[in-house]
Protein backbone atom coordinates (compact mmCIF):
# COMPACT_ATOMS: atom_id res chain seq x y z
CA ASP A 1 -38.49 14.59 -60.98
CA ASP A 2 -39.18 18.46 -61.03
CA PRO A 3 -42.90 18.96 -61.44
CA LEU A 4 -41.97 22.57 -62.63
CA ARG A 5 -39.45 21.64 -65.36
CA ASP A 6 -40.77 21.64 -68.86
CA PHE A 7 -39.84 18.91 -70.82
CA PRO A 8 -38.23 16.56 -67.78
CA ASN A 9 -37.31 13.70 -70.09
CA LEU A 10 -35.06 16.08 -72.22
CA ARG A 11 -33.18 17.67 -69.18
CA GLU A 12 -29.90 16.39 -70.26
CA HIS A 13 -30.41 17.53 -74.00
CA PHE A 14 -31.25 21.03 -72.84
CA MET A 15 -28.35 21.26 -70.22
CA GLN A 16 -26.07 20.53 -73.26
CA VAL A 17 -27.67 23.10 -75.44
CA TRP A 18 -27.17 25.90 -72.55
CA HIS A 19 -23.62 24.74 -72.08
CA ASN A 20 -23.04 24.97 -75.82
CA GLU A 21 -24.46 28.40 -75.74
CA LEU A 22 -22.73 29.67 -72.90
CA HIS A 23 -19.40 28.52 -73.96
CA ALA A 24 -20.29 30.31 -77.58
CA ILE A 25 -20.67 33.64 -75.82
CA HIS A 26 -17.63 32.97 -73.30
CA ALA A 27 -19.91 33.39 -70.42
CA THR A 28 -18.68 32.82 -66.70
CA TYR A 29 -21.06 30.41 -65.11
CA GLN A 30 -21.19 27.79 -62.32
CA VAL A 31 -23.29 24.95 -62.36
CA ILE A 32 -24.95 24.21 -58.99
CA SER A 33 -25.49 20.56 -57.85
CA GLY A 34 -26.96 19.32 -54.70
CA LEU A 35 -30.62 18.91 -53.19
CA GLY A 36 -32.27 21.00 -50.76
CA GLU A 37 -29.98 22.52 -48.19
CA ASP A 38 -26.53 21.33 -49.84
CA ARG A 39 -27.82 22.80 -53.33
CA PHE A 40 -28.35 26.04 -51.16
CA GLN A 41 -25.13 26.04 -49.68
CA ASN A 42 -23.44 25.16 -53.06
CA ALA A 43 -25.18 28.18 -54.28
CA ARG A 44 -23.88 30.40 -51.59
CA ILE A 45 -20.59 29.47 -52.18
CA ALA A 46 -20.57 29.91 -55.70
CA VAL A 47 -21.90 33.38 -55.53
CA ALA A 48 -19.23 34.19 -52.71
CA ASN A 49 -16.47 32.82 -54.87
CA PHE A 50 -17.95 34.99 -57.76
CA LEU A 51 -17.98 38.08 -55.85
CA SER A 52 -14.92 37.95 -54.26
CA SER A 53 -13.18 37.50 -58.08
CA ARG A 54 -14.91 40.50 -59.12
CA LEU A 55 -13.67 42.52 -56.22
CA SER A 56 -9.99 41.46 -56.58
C-alpha cells in the first residue's frame, strides 16, 4: 500500500478512469511499472524512448 495515495482501495478504478480520459484525448503515455530501482530504470527507459521518438 502507498501511504500517500488517496483512496488506496479504489486504485484500479482510478487507473481505469485515467486510461479512459487519456485515450479520449489521444494522449501519448506510458504506464511505468516495477518497484524501487526497477521502477526508476523503467521510467528512465520510457523517457529516453519518448525523447528519441520526438527527435527522429
